[in-house]
Amino acid sequence: MVRDEMVVGLGSGTTMMKVVQILARMKSSAVFIPSSSTIQRLASDLGLELSSLDVHDKLDLMIDGADEVDANFDMIKGRGGAHTREKIVAGAAKHVVIVVDRTKLVRRLGERAPVPVEILPFAVGYTIRKLGVLGKPILRLGASGEPFLTDNGNYVVDVKFRSISVPSRLEKRINNVPGVVENGLFVGMADEVVVGHEDGYTILKSKMDFLRFMRGKI
């Protein structure tokens, strides 16, 4: 999918680290725009050419991972805390490809993963109480026990919901809470899902592909 003349956005997370390593082995001469400092450092160390949205505001392709993907290709992302930047980069891309293993496919979003919500450090308790009206929020902590910090210098609250029946509606309700920067619901952004599994990989291009894959038909 990646051709030398392209400008390509890179997501974040452990799956994307593997993707970046493969791109480096391919000696790809595309221009890459990373969405996290971790992926930026790795891609730079491996010799990929990097740029930014200030230079290239239209991308040919975005490659990213996900925590959960449903039949409509709506997603929960942000376990690494980079979902705000990932959503910006994905919004600039003509085509968005999501790379996951089969365990990330779900019948309904929220089955396993909470929704990460990036919030401003100002008035944390207030923002968390407001999010508590919608679900069960927990402030994410780092290894030292201090609040986890995003690349933007903000906090992340992981919010568990009993049921996410209409992801687009919930995405807007979360973002309407004062103090919220962005949340990890990605609705209507993915064009294809590449699913890794025991026999290799399968590319899903539609809801029908997803349902057939879940039934073991492809």
N, C-alpha and C. Protein backbone atom coordinates (compact mmCIF):
# COMPACT_ATOMS: atom_id res chain seq x y z
N MET A 1 0.82 -1.22 0.00
CA MET A 1 0.00 0.00 0.00
C MET A 1 0.85 1.27 0.00
N VAL A 2 2.05 1.19 0.54
CA VAL A 2 2.92 2.36 0.65
C VAL A 2 3.81 2.45 -0.59
N ARG A 3 3.66 3.54 -1.33
CA ARG A 3 4.50 3.78 -2.51
C ARG A 3 5.44 4.95 -2.26
N ASP A 4 6.52 4.98 -2.99
CA ASP A 4 7.60 5.91 -2.69
C ASP A 4 7.19 7.38 -2.80
N GLU A 5 6.23 7.70 -3.67
CA GLU A 5 5.87 9.10 -3.87
C GLU A 5 4.85 9.59 -2.85
N MET A 6 4.44 8.74 -1.92
CA MET A 6 3.36 9.07 -0.99
C MET A 6 3.82 9.89 0.22
N VAL A 7 2.85 10.58 0.81
CA VAL A 7 2.98 11.14 2.15
C VAL A 7 2.09 10.31 3.05
N VAL A 8 2.68 9.69 4.09
CA VAL A 8 1.99 8.66 4.87
C VAL A 8 1.98 9.03 6.36
N GLY A 9 0.80 9.03 6.96
CA GLY A 9 0.69 9.24 8.39
C GLY A 9 0.92 7.94 9.14
N LEU A 10 1.58 8.05 10.29
CA LEU A 10 1.85 6.89 11.13
C LEU A 10 1.18 7.07 12.49
N GLY A 11 0.42 6.06 12.90
CA GLY A 11 -0.20 6.08 14.21
C GLY A 11 0.81 5.75 15.29
N SER A 12 0.33 5.17 16.38
CA SER A 12 1.22 4.84 17.49
C SER A 12 0.86 3.48 18.07
N GLY A 13 1.67 3.03 19.02
CA GLY A 13 1.41 1.75 19.66
C GLY A 13 2.35 0.66 19.20
N THR A 14 2.23 -0.51 19.83
CA THR A 14 3.15 -1.61 19.56
C THR A 14 3.02 -2.15 18.14
N THR A 15 1.79 -2.19 17.62
CA THR A 15 1.61 -2.65 16.24
C THR A 15 2.31 -1.71 15.27
N MET A 16 2.20 -0.41 15.52
CA MET A 16 2.83 0.56 14.62
C MET A 16 4.35 0.49 14.70
N MET A 17 4.89 0.10 15.85
CA MET A 17 6.34 -0.08 15.93
C MET A 17 6.78 -1.16 14.96
N LYS A 18 6.00 -2.24 14.86
CA LYS A 18 6.32 -3.30 13.90
C LYS A 18 6.21 -2.79 12.46
N VAL A 19 5.16 -2.00 12.20
CA VAL A 19 4.97 -1.45 10.85
C VAL A 19 6.15 -0.57 10.45
N VAL A 20 6.60 0.28 11.37
CA VAL A 20 7.72 1.17 11.08
C VAL A 20 8.98 0.36 10.80
N GLN A 21 9.20 -0.70 11.56
CA GLN A 21 10.37 -1.55 11.32
C GLN A 21 10.33 -2.19 9.94
N ILE A 22 9.14 -2.61 9.52
CA ILE A 22 8.99 -3.21 8.19
C ILE A 22 9.23 -2.17 7.10
N LEU A 23 8.68 -0.95 7.28
CA LEU A 23 8.90 0.11 6.31
C LEU A 23 10.38 0.44 6.17
N ALA A 24 11.10 0.41 7.28
CA ALA A 24 12.54 0.68 7.24
C ALA A 24 13.28 -0.42 6.48
N ARG A 25 12.88 -1.68 6.71
CA ARG A 25 13.52 -2.79 5.99
C ARG A 25 13.23 -2.72 4.49
N MET A 26 12.06 -2.18 4.15
CA MET A 26 11.70 -1.99 2.74
C MET A 26 12.48 -0.86 2.09
N LYS A 27 13.15 -0.06 2.95
CA LYS A 27 13.86 1.14 2.48
C LYS A 27 12.91 2.08 1.74
N SER A 28 11.72 2.24 2.31
CA SER A 28 10.71 3.10 1.69
C SER A 28 11.20 4.54 1.65
N SER A 29 10.99 5.19 0.50
CA SER A 29 11.36 6.59 0.37
C SER A 29 10.13 7.50 0.38
N ALA A 30 9.01 7.00 0.91
CA ALA A 30 7.87 7.86 1.16
C ALA A 30 8.22 8.85 2.27
N VAL A 31 7.39 9.87 2.41
CA VAL A 31 7.55 10.83 3.50
C VAL A 31 6.53 10.48 4.58
N PHE A 32 6.97 10.43 5.82
CA PHE A 32 6.12 9.95 6.91
C PHE A 32 5.86 11.04 7.94
N ILE A 33 4.63 11.06 8.43
CA ILE A 33 4.23 12.02 9.45
C ILE A 33 3.76 11.23 10.68
N PRO A 34 4.57 11.14 11.72
CA PRO A 34 4.22 10.37 12.92
C PRO A 34 3.28 11.15 13.83
N SER A 35 2.46 10.42 14.59
CA SER A 35 1.50 11.06 15.48
C SER A 35 1.89 10.96 16.95
N SER A 36 3.05 10.37 17.23
CA SER A 36 3.51 10.30 18.62
C SER A 36 5.02 10.44 18.67
N SER A 37 5.53 10.90 19.80
CA SER A 37 6.98 11.08 19.94
C SER A 37 7.71 9.74 19.89
N THR A 38 7.08 8.68 20.40
CA THR A 38 7.72 7.36 20.39
C THR A 38 7.95 6.87 18.96
N ILE A 39 6.91 6.96 18.13
CA ILE A 39 7.03 6.53 16.74
C ILE A 39 7.95 7.47 15.97
N GLN A 40 7.92 8.74 16.30
CA GLN A 40 8.82 9.69 15.64
C GLN A 40 10.28 9.33 15.89
N ARG A 41 10.61 9.02 17.14
CA ARG A 41 12.00 8.66 17.46
C ARG A 41 12.41 7.37 16.76
N LEU A 42 11.52 6.37 16.77
CA LEU A 42 11.84 5.09 16.14
C LEU A 42 12.04 5.27 14.64
N ALA A 43 11.09 5.97 13.99
CA ALA A 43 11.18 6.15 12.55
C ALA A 43 12.43 6.94 12.17
N SER A 44 12.78 7.93 12.98
CA SER A 44 13.98 8.71 12.73
C SER A 44 15.24 7.85 12.88
N ASP A 45 15.28 7.06 13.95
CA ASP A 45 16.44 6.20 14.19
C ASP A 45 16.63 5.19 13.07
N LEU A 46 15.52 4.76 12.45
CA LEU A 46 15.59 3.75 11.39
C LEU A 46 15.77 4.36 10.00
N GLY A 47 15.86 5.68 9.95
CA GLY A 47 16.21 6.33 8.69
C GLY A 47 15.06 6.71 7.79
N LEU A 48 13.82 6.67 8.28
CA LEU A 48 12.70 7.10 7.45
C LEU A 48 12.67 8.62 7.36
N GLU A 49 12.23 9.14 6.22
CA GLU A 49 12.12 10.59 6.05
C GLU A 49 10.84 11.08 6.71
N LEU A 50 10.97 12.05 7.61
CA LEU A 50 9.84 12.54 8.38
C LEU A 50 9.48 13.97 8.00
N SER A 51 8.22 14.29 8.21
CA SER A 51 7.75 15.66 7.98
C SER A 51 6.62 15.95 8.98
N SER A 52 5.84 16.98 8.71
CA SER A 52 4.76 17.34 9.63
C SER A 52 3.55 17.84 8.84
N LEU A 53 2.43 18.00 9.53
CA LEU A 53 1.23 18.51 8.89
C LEU A 53 1.36 19.99 8.52
N ASP A 54 2.29 20.69 9.15
CA ASP A 54 2.52 22.07 8.76
C ASP A 54 3.10 22.16 7.35
N VAL A 55 3.82 21.12 6.94
CA VAL A 55 4.41 21.07 5.60
C VAL A 55 3.48 20.35 4.63
N HIS A 56 2.90 19.23 5.07
CA HIS A 56 2.00 18.42 4.23
C HIS A 56 0.65 18.32 4.94
N ASP A 57 -0.32 19.10 4.51
CA ASP A 57 -1.61 19.05 5.18
C ASP A 57 -2.59 18.09 4.52
N LYS A 58 -2.14 17.42 3.45
CA LYS A 58 -2.94 16.39 2.80
C LYS A 58 -2.11 15.13 2.66
N LEU A 59 -2.57 14.04 3.26
CA LEU A 59 -1.83 12.78 3.25
C LEU A 59 -2.49 11.79 2.30
N ASP A 60 -1.67 10.98 1.67
CA ASP A 60 -2.20 9.93 0.79
C ASP A 60 -2.76 8.77 1.60
N LEU A 61 -2.12 8.49 2.74
CA LEU A 61 -2.44 7.28 3.48
C LEU A 61 -2.12 7.49 4.96
N MET A 62 -2.93 6.87 5.81
CA MET A 62 -2.64 6.81 7.25
C MET A 62 -2.70 5.35 7.66
N ILE A 63 -1.68 4.90 8.40
CA ILE A 63 -1.65 3.53 8.93
C ILE A 63 -1.66 3.62 10.44
N ASP A 64 -2.52 2.86 11.09
CA ASP A 64 -2.61 2.92 12.54
C ASP A 64 -3.14 1.61 13.08
N GLY A 65 -3.07 1.45 14.38
CA GLY A 65 -3.66 0.30 15.06
C GLY A 65 -4.95 0.72 15.74
N ALA A 66 -5.52 -0.18 16.55
CA ALA A 66 -6.76 0.13 17.28
C ALA A 66 -6.89 -0.83 18.45
N ASP A 67 -7.63 -0.39 19.46
CA ASP A 67 -7.92 -1.25 20.61
C ASP A 67 -9.16 -2.11 20.34
N GLU A 68 -10.13 -1.55 19.64
CA GLU A 68 -11.33 -2.29 19.23
C GLU A 68 -11.81 -1.76 17.89
N VAL A 69 -12.36 -2.67 17.07
CA VAL A 69 -12.95 -2.29 15.78
C VAL A 69 -14.27 -3.04 15.64
N ASP A 70 -15.34 -2.33 15.26
CA ASP A 70 -16.63 -3.00 15.08
C ASP A 70 -16.94 -3.17 13.59
N ALA A 71 -18.11 -3.69 13.28
CA ALA A 71 -18.47 -4.03 11.90
C ALA A 71 -18.55 -2.81 10.99
N ASN A 72 -18.80 -1.63 11.57
CA ASN A 72 -18.85 -0.39 10.78
C ASN A 72 -17.48 0.26 10.64
N PHE A 73 -16.46 -0.43 11.13
CA PHE A 73 -15.09 0.10 11.17
C PHE A 73 -14.97 1.31 12.10
N ASP A 74 -15.93 1.48 13.00
CA ASP A 74 -15.76 2.45 14.09
C ASP A 74 -14.82 1.83 15.11
N MET A 75 -14.08 2.68 15.84
CA MET A 75 -13.00 2.15 16.66
C MET A 75 -12.92 2.84 18.01
N ILE A 76 -12.27 2.12 18.95
CA ILE A 76 -11.74 2.74 20.15
C ILE A 76 -10.23 2.69 20.03
N LYS A 77 -9.59 3.86 20.23
CA LYS A 77 -8.15 3.97 20.17
C LYS A 77 -7.66 4.81 21.35
N GLY A 78 -6.36 4.72 21.63
CA GLY A 78 -5.80 5.59 22.65
C GLY A 78 -5.19 4.91 23.84
N ARG A 79 -4.95 3.61 23.74
CA ARG A 79 -4.29 2.94 24.86
C ARG A 79 -2.90 3.54 25.12
N GLY A 80 -2.29 4.05 24.04
CA GLY A 80 -0.99 4.70 24.20
C GLY A 80 -1.09 6.18 24.50
N GLY A 81 -2.30 6.70 24.53
CA GLY A 81 -2.50 8.10 24.88
C GLY A 81 -2.26 9.08 23.76
N ALA A 82 -2.17 8.60 22.52
CA ALA A 82 -1.87 9.50 21.39
C ALA A 82 -3.09 9.74 20.51
N HIS A 83 -4.28 9.46 21.00
CA HIS A 83 -5.46 9.48 20.14
C HIS A 83 -5.81 10.86 19.59
N THR A 84 -5.49 11.92 20.32
CA THR A 84 -5.79 13.26 19.80
C THR A 84 -4.99 13.53 18.53
N ARG A 85 -3.69 13.27 18.60
CA ARG A 85 -2.84 13.49 17.42
C ARG A 85 -3.19 12.50 16.31
N GLU A 86 -3.51 11.27 16.68
CA GLU A 86 -3.88 10.26 15.68
C GLU A 86 -5.14 10.69 14.93
N LYS A 87 -6.09 11.27 15.64
CA LYS A 87 -7.34 11.69 14.99
C LYS A 87 -7.09 12.86 14.04
N ILE A 88 -6.18 13.74 14.40
CA ILE A 88 -5.84 14.86 13.53
C ILE A 88 -5.18 14.34 12.25
N VAL A 89 -4.21 13.45 12.41
CA VAL A 89 -3.49 12.92 11.24
C VAL A 89 -4.44 12.12 10.35
N ALA A 90 -5.29 11.29 10.97
CA ALA A 90 -6.25 10.50 10.19
C ALA A 90 -7.21 11.40 9.43
N GLY A 91 -7.60 12.52 10.04
CA GLY A 91 -8.51 13.45 9.38
C GLY A 91 -7.90 14.10 8.15
N ALA A 92 -6.57 14.14 8.08
CA ALA A 92 -5.88 14.74 6.94
C ALA A 92 -5.61 13.74 5.83
N ALA A 93 -5.90 12.45 6.06
CA ALA A 93 -5.53 11.40 5.11
C ALA A 93 -6.67 11.06 4.17
N LYS A 94 -6.32 10.79 2.91
CA LYS A 94 -7.33 10.36 1.93
C LYS A 94 -7.81 8.94 2.23
N HIS A 95 -6.92 8.11 2.76
CA HIS A 95 -7.24 6.70 2.97
C HIS A 95 -6.64 6.26 4.30
N VAL A 96 -7.45 5.63 5.14
CA VAL A 96 -7.00 5.20 6.48
C VAL A 96 -7.07 3.69 6.57
N VAL A 97 -5.92 3.08 6.87
CA VAL A 97 -5.82 1.62 7.00
C VAL A 97 -5.49 1.29 8.46
N ILE A 98 -6.26 0.40 9.04
CA ILE A 98 -6.08 -0.01 10.42
C ILE A 98 -5.53 -1.43 10.46
N VAL A 99 -4.46 -1.62 11.24
CA VAL A 99 -3.80 -2.92 11.35
C VAL A 99 -4.01 -3.46 12.76
N VAL A 100 -4.66 -4.62 12.87
CA VAL A 100 -4.95 -5.22 14.18
C VAL A 100 -4.79 -6.73 14.11
N ASP A 101 -4.78 -7.38 15.27
CA ASP A 101 -4.94 -8.83 15.28
C ASP A 101 -6.42 -9.15 15.51
N ARG A 102 -6.79 -10.37 15.31
CA ARG A 102 -8.22 -10.72 15.29
C ARG A 102 -8.91 -10.50 16.63
N THR A 103 -8.16 -10.43 17.74
CA THR A 103 -8.77 -10.23 19.04
C THR A 103 -9.34 -8.82 19.21
N LYS A 104 -8.97 -7.91 18.31
CA LYS A 104 -9.45 -6.52 18.42
C LYS A 104 -10.80 -6.31 17.73
N LEU A 105 -11.30 -7.32 17.04
CA LEU A 105 -12.61 -7.20 16.39
C LEU A 105 -13.71 -7.51 17.39
N VAL A 106 -14.72 -6.63 17.48
CA VAL A 106 -15.79 -6.78 18.47
C VAL A 106 -17.15 -6.59 17.81
N ARG A 107 -18.15 -7.18 18.43
CA ARG A 107 -19.53 -7.00 17.95
C ARG A 107 -20.02 -5.58 18.25
N ARG A 108 -19.63 -5.06 19.42
CA ARG A 108 -20.03 -3.71 19.82
C ARG A 108 -18.88 -3.06 20.57
N LEU A 109 -18.59 -1.81 20.26
CA LEU A 109 -17.51 -1.10 20.93
C LEU A 109 -17.74 -1.05 22.44
N GLY A 110 -16.64 -1.15 23.18
CA GLY A 110 -16.72 -1.12 24.63
C GLY A 110 -16.83 -2.48 25.27
N GLU A 111 -16.80 -3.54 24.46
CA GLU A 111 -16.89 -4.89 25.03
C GLU A 111 -15.74 -5.16 25.99
N ARG A 112 -14.54 -4.70 25.63
CA ARG A 112 -13.36 -4.95 26.47
C ARG A 112 -12.65 -3.66 26.87
N ALA A 113 -12.57 -2.72 25.95
CA ALA A 113 -11.73 -1.54 26.17
C ALA A 113 -12.54 -0.35 26.66
N PRO A 114 -11.98 0.42 27.61
CA PRO A 114 -12.59 1.71 27.96
C PRO A 114 -12.29 2.72 26.86
N VAL A 115 -12.94 3.85 26.92
CA VAL A 115 -12.68 4.93 25.97
C VAL A 115 -11.69 5.91 26.60
N PRO A 116 -10.48 6.04 26.06
CA PRO A 116 -9.53 7.02 26.59
C PRO A 116 -9.99 8.44 26.26
N VAL A 117 -9.92 9.32 27.25
CA VAL A 117 -10.32 10.71 27.06
C VAL A 117 -9.18 11.60 27.52
N GLU A 118 -8.65 12.41 26.61
CA GLU A 118 -7.59 13.35 26.98
C GLU A 118 -8.22 14.59 27.58
N ILE A 119 -7.75 14.98 28.76
CA ILE A 119 -8.32 16.14 29.44
C ILE A 119 -7.22 17.12 29.84
N LEU A 120 -7.59 18.37 30.05
CA LEU A 120 -6.66 19.37 30.53
C LEU A 120 -6.36 19.13 32.01
N PRO A 121 -5.11 19.36 32.44
CA PRO A 121 -4.79 19.20 33.87
C PRO A 121 -5.55 20.19 34.76
N PHE A 122 -5.99 21.29 34.20
CA PHE A 122 -6.77 22.28 34.96
C PHE A 122 -8.13 21.69 35.37
N ALA A 123 -8.45 21.75 36.66
CA ALA A 123 -9.75 21.30 37.17
C ALA A 123 -10.04 19.85 36.82
N VAL A 124 -9.06 18.97 37.13
CA VAL A 124 -9.19 17.55 36.81
C VAL A 124 -10.41 16.93 37.48
N GLY A 125 -10.57 17.21 38.77
CA GLY A 125 -11.69 16.63 39.51
C GLY A 125 -13.03 17.02 38.93
N TYR A 126 -13.15 18.26 38.53
CA TYR A 126 -14.40 18.75 37.92
C TYR A 126 -14.71 17.99 36.64
N THR A 127 -13.69 17.87 35.77
CA THR A 127 -13.89 17.20 34.48
C THR A 127 -14.24 15.73 34.69
N ILE A 128 -13.56 15.08 35.63
CA ILE A 128 -13.84 13.67 35.90
C ILE A 128 -15.26 13.49 36.42
N ARG A 129 -15.71 14.39 37.28
CA ARG A 129 -17.09 14.29 37.79
C ARG A 129 -18.10 14.43 36.66
N LYS A 130 -17.83 15.33 35.72
CA LYS A 130 -18.73 15.49 34.58
C LYS A 130 -18.74 14.24 33.70
N LEU A 131 -17.55 13.63 33.50
CA LEU A 131 -17.49 12.39 32.73
C LEU A 131 -18.19 11.25 33.45
N GLY A 132 -18.23 11.34 34.79
CA GLY A 132 -18.91 10.31 35.58
C GLY A 132 -20.41 10.25 35.37
N VAL A 133 -20.97 11.30 34.82
CA VAL A 133 -22.39 11.29 34.46
C VAL A 133 -22.64 10.36 33.27
N LEU A 134 -21.61 10.22 32.42
CA LEU A 134 -21.74 9.41 31.21
C LEU A 134 -21.30 7.97 31.41
N GLY A 135 -20.25 7.76 32.21
CA GLY A 135 -19.70 6.41 32.41
C GLY A 135 -18.91 6.34 33.70
N LYS A 136 -17.99 5.39 33.76
CA LYS A 136 -17.15 5.21 34.95
C LYS A 136 -15.72 5.62 34.61
N PRO A 137 -15.31 6.83 35.01
CA PRO A 137 -13.98 7.33 34.65
C PRO A 137 -12.91 6.98 35.68
N ILE A 138 -11.72 6.66 35.18
CA ILE A 138 -10.57 6.41 36.05
C ILE A 138 -9.38 7.18 35.47
N LEU A 139 -8.76 8.01 36.30
CA LEU A 139 -7.59 8.75 35.87
C LEU A 139 -6.44 7.78 35.63
N ARG A 140 -5.84 7.82 34.45
CA ARG A 140 -4.73 6.93 34.14
C ARG A 140 -3.45 7.40 34.84
N LEU A 141 -2.75 6.46 35.47
CA LEU A 141 -1.52 6.77 36.17
C LEU A 141 -0.33 6.16 35.44
N GLY A 142 0.83 6.80 35.56
CA GLY A 142 2.05 6.28 34.99
C GLY A 142 2.73 5.32 35.94
N ALA A 143 3.90 4.85 35.56
CA ALA A 143 4.64 3.86 36.36
C ALA A 143 5.01 4.41 37.73
N SER A 144 5.22 5.71 37.82
CA SER A 144 5.62 6.32 39.10
C SER A 144 4.45 6.60 40.02
N GLY A 145 3.23 6.37 39.53
CA GLY A 145 2.05 6.66 40.33
C GLY A 145 1.50 8.05 40.09
N GLU A 146 2.22 8.85 39.31
CA GLU A 146 1.74 10.18 38.93
C GLU A 146 0.81 10.06 37.72
N PRO A 147 -0.03 11.07 37.47
CA PRO A 147 -0.90 11.00 36.29
C PRO A 147 -0.10 10.83 35.00
N PHE A 148 -0.56 9.93 34.14
CA PHE A 148 0.04 9.72 32.83
C PHE A 148 -0.07 11.01 32.02
N LEU A 149 1.00 11.38 31.33
CA LEU A 149 1.00 12.58 30.51
C LEU A 149 1.07 12.23 29.03
N THR A 150 0.22 12.86 28.24
CA THR A 150 0.28 12.69 26.79
C THR A 150 1.42 13.54 26.23
N ASP A 151 1.69 13.38 24.94
CA ASP A 151 2.69 14.22 24.28
C ASP A 151 2.28 15.69 24.31
N ASN A 152 1.00 15.95 24.52
CA ASN A 152 0.50 17.32 24.60
C ASN A 152 0.57 17.89 26.01
N GLY A 153 1.06 17.07 26.97
CA GLY A 153 1.15 17.53 28.35
C GLY A 153 -0.16 17.46 29.11
N ASN A 154 -1.10 16.66 28.62
CA ASN A 154 -2.41 16.52 29.25
C ASN A 154 -2.56 15.17 29.94
N TYR A 155 -3.65 15.01 30.68
CA TYR A 155 -3.96 13.76 31.37
C TYR A 155 -4.88 12.91 30.51
N VAL A 156 -4.97 11.62 30.86
CA VAL A 156 -5.91 10.71 30.19
C VAL A 156 -6.81 10.08 31.25
N VAL A 157 -8.10 10.11 30.99
CA VAL A 157 -9.09 9.43 31.81
C VAL A 157 -9.67 8.29 30.98
N ASP A 158 -9.60 7.07 31.50
CA ASP A 158 -10.20 5.92 30.82
C ASP A 158 -11.62 5.73 31.33
N VAL A 159 -12.59 5.84 30.42
CA VAL A 159 -14.00 5.80 30.81
C VAL A 159 -14.64 4.52 30.29
N LYS A 160 -15.18 3.74 31.21
CA LYS A 160 -15.87 2.50 30.84
C LYS A 160 -17.36 2.78 30.74
N PHE A 161 -17.96 2.30 29.66
CA PHE A 161 -19.39 2.50 29.44
C PHE A 161 -20.10 1.15 29.43
N ARG A 162 -21.31 1.14 29.98
CA ARG A 162 -22.09 -0.10 30.03
C ARG A 162 -22.41 -0.59 28.63
N SER A 163 -22.72 0.35 27.74
CA SER A 163 -23.04 -0.02 26.36
C SER A 163 -22.80 1.19 25.47
N ILE A 164 -22.18 0.96 24.32
CA ILE A 164 -21.98 2.03 23.34
C ILE A 164 -22.81 1.66 22.11
N SER A 165 -24.05 2.08 22.11
CA SER A 165 -24.95 1.70 21.03
C SER A 165 -24.80 2.60 19.81
N VAL A 166 -24.51 3.89 20.04
CA VAL A 166 -24.33 4.84 18.94
C VAL A 166 -23.02 5.59 19.17
N PRO A 167 -21.90 5.06 18.64
CA PRO A 167 -20.59 5.68 18.91
C PRO A 167 -20.51 7.15 18.53
N SER A 168 -21.12 7.54 17.43
CA SER A 168 -21.04 8.94 16.98
C SER A 168 -21.68 9.88 17.99
N ARG A 169 -22.77 9.45 18.59
CA ARG A 169 -23.45 10.29 19.58
C ARG A 169 -22.62 10.41 20.84
N LEU A 170 -22.05 9.29 21.29
CA LEU A 170 -21.23 9.32 22.49
C LEU A 170 -19.97 10.14 22.27
N GLU A 171 -19.37 10.04 21.09
CA GLU A 171 -18.17 10.82 20.78
C GLU A 171 -18.44 12.31 20.99
N LYS A 172 -19.57 12.78 20.51
CA LYS A 172 -19.92 14.20 20.64
C LYS A 172 -20.23 14.56 22.09
N ARG A 173 -20.92 13.69 22.80
CA ARG A 173 -21.27 13.99 24.20
C ARG A 173 -20.02 14.10 25.06
N ILE A 174 -19.05 13.22 24.84
CA ILE A 174 -17.80 13.29 25.60
C ILE A 174 -17.07 14.59 25.31
N ASN A 175 -16.97 14.94 24.03
CA ASN A 175 -16.23 16.14 23.65
C ASN A 175 -16.92 17.43 24.08
N ASN A 176 -18.20 17.36 24.42
CA ASN A 176 -18.92 18.53 24.92
C ASN A 176 -18.69 18.79 26.40
N VAL A 177 -18.01 17.87 27.09
CA VAL A 177 -17.72 18.07 28.51
C VAL A 177 -16.59 19.10 28.64
N PRO A 178 -16.77 20.16 29.41
CA PRO A 178 -15.71 21.16 29.57
C PRO A 178 -14.45 20.52 30.15
N GLY A 179 -13.30 20.83 29.55
CA GLY A 179 -12.03 20.26 30.00
C GLY A 179 -11.55 19.11 29.15
N VAL A 180 -12.43 18.55 28.32
CA VAL A 180 -12.04 17.45 27.44
C VAL A 180 -11.37 18.01 26.19
N VAL A 181 -10.23 17.44 25.83
CA VAL A 181 -9.52 17.82 24.61
C VAL A 181 -10.00 16.97 23.44
N GLU A 182 -10.01 15.65 23.61
CA GLU A 182 -10.45 14.72 22.57
C GLU A 182 -10.62 13.35 23.17
N ASN A 183 -11.43 12.51 22.55
CA ASN A 183 -11.63 11.16 23.06
C ASN A 183 -11.26 10.12 22.01
N GLY A 184 -11.18 8.86 22.45
CA GLY A 184 -10.67 7.79 21.61
C GLY A 184 -11.70 7.06 20.78
N LEU A 185 -12.89 7.61 20.60
CA LEU A 185 -13.85 7.05 19.66
C LEU A 185 -13.57 7.61 18.27
N PHE A 186 -13.26 6.73 17.34
CA PHE A 186 -12.98 7.12 15.95
C PHE A 186 -14.13 6.60 15.11
N VAL A 187 -14.97 7.49 14.64
CA VAL A 187 -16.19 7.10 13.94
C VAL A 187 -16.10 7.50 12.47
N GLY A 188 -16.31 6.53 11.59
CA GLY A 188 -16.34 6.80 10.16
C GLY A 188 -15.02 7.23 9.56
N MET A 189 -13.90 6.81 10.15
CA MET A 189 -12.59 7.25 9.67
C MET A 189 -11.81 6.16 8.94
N ALA A 190 -12.05 4.89 9.25
CA ALA A 190 -11.26 3.80 8.67
C ALA A 190 -11.86 3.36 7.34
N ASP A 191 -10.99 3.13 6.37
CA ASP A 191 -11.42 2.65 5.06
C ASP A 191 -11.19 1.15 4.89
N GLU A 192 -10.10 0.63 5.48
CA GLU A 192 -9.79 -0.79 5.41
C GLU A 192 -9.21 -1.24 6.74
N VAL A 193 -9.44 -2.52 7.05
CA VAL A 193 -8.87 -3.11 8.26
C VAL A 193 -8.07 -4.35 7.86
N VAL A 194 -6.78 -4.35 8.20
CA VAL A 194 -5.92 -5.50 7.94
C VAL A 194 -5.85 -6.30 9.24
N VAL A 195 -6.35 -7.53 9.19
CA VAL A 195 -6.45 -8.37 10.39
C VAL A 195 -5.40 -9.47 10.34
N GLY A 196 -4.50 -9.45 11.28
CA GLY A 196 -3.53 -10.53 11.40
C GLY A 196 -4.12 -11.69 12.18
N HIS A 197 -3.80 -12.91 11.75
CA HIS A 197 -4.32 -14.10 12.44
C HIS A 197 -3.36 -15.26 12.22
N GLU A 198 -3.75 -16.42 12.72
CA GLU A 198 -2.85 -17.57 12.72
C GLU A 198 -2.41 -18.00 11.32
N ASP A 199 -3.24 -17.74 10.32
CA ASP A 199 -2.93 -18.16 8.95
C ASP A 199 -2.35 -17.05 8.09
N GLY A 200 -2.06 -15.91 8.68
CA GLY A 200 -1.52 -14.80 7.89
C GLY A 200 -2.28 -13.52 8.16
N TYR A 201 -2.97 -13.00 7.14
CA TYR A 201 -3.75 -11.78 7.32
C TYR A 201 -4.91 -11.76 6.34
N THR A 202 -5.93 -10.97 6.68
CA THR A 202 -7.09 -10.79 5.82
C THR A 202 -7.39 -9.30 5.76
N ILE A 203 -7.65 -8.78 4.57
CA ILE A 203 -8.01 -7.37 4.41
C ILE A 203 -9.53 -7.25 4.33
N LEU A 204 -10.09 -6.49 5.25
CA LEU A 204 -11.53 -6.26 5.29
C LEU A 204 -11.82 -4.88 4.70
N LYS A 205 -12.73 -4.83 3.72
CA LYS A 205 -13.03 -3.56 3.05
C LYS A 205 -14.47 -3.12 3.24
N SER A 206 -15.28 -3.92 3.94
CA SER A 206 -16.69 -3.57 4.10
C SER A 206 -17.26 -4.25 5.34
N LYS A 207 -18.45 -3.84 5.71
CA LYS A 207 -19.15 -4.47 6.82
C LYS A 207 -19.42 -5.95 6.52
N MET A 208 -19.75 -6.25 5.27
CA MET A 208 -19.99 -7.64 4.88
C MET A 208 -18.73 -8.47 5.07
N ASP A 209 -17.57 -7.92 4.68
CA ASP A 209 -16.31 -8.63 4.90
C ASP A 209 -16.11 -8.93 6.38
N PHE A 210 -16.40 -7.92 7.22
CA PHE A 210 -16.23 -8.08 8.67
C PHE A 210 -17.11 -9.22 9.19
N LEU A 211 -18.37 -9.21 8.81
CA LEU A 211 -19.31 -10.22 9.31
C LEU A 211 -18.94 -11.61 8.81
N ARG A 212 -18.52 -11.71 7.56
CA ARG A 212 -18.10 -13.00 7.02
C ARG A 212 -16.85 -13.51 7.74
N PHE A 213 -15.93 -12.59 8.03
CA PHE A 213 -14.71 -12.98 8.75
C PHE A 213 -15.06 -13.50 10.15
N MET A 214 -15.96 -12.80 10.83
CA MET A 214 -16.35 -13.20 12.19
C MET A 214 -17.05 -14.56 12.19
N ARG A 215 -17.71 -14.88 11.08
CA ARG A 215 -18.37 -16.19 10.97
C ARG A 215 -17.44 -17.25 10.43
N GLY A 216 -16.19 -16.89 10.15
CA GLY A 216 -15.22 -17.85 9.63
C GLY A 216 -15.38 -18.15 8.17
N LYS A 217 -16.05 -17.25 7.42
CA LYS A 217 -16.31 -17.49 6.00
C LYS A 217 -15.17 -17.01 5.12
N ILE A 218 -14.31 -16.13 5.63
CA ILE A 218 -13.14 -15.68 4.85
C ILE A 218 -11.93 -15.67 5.77
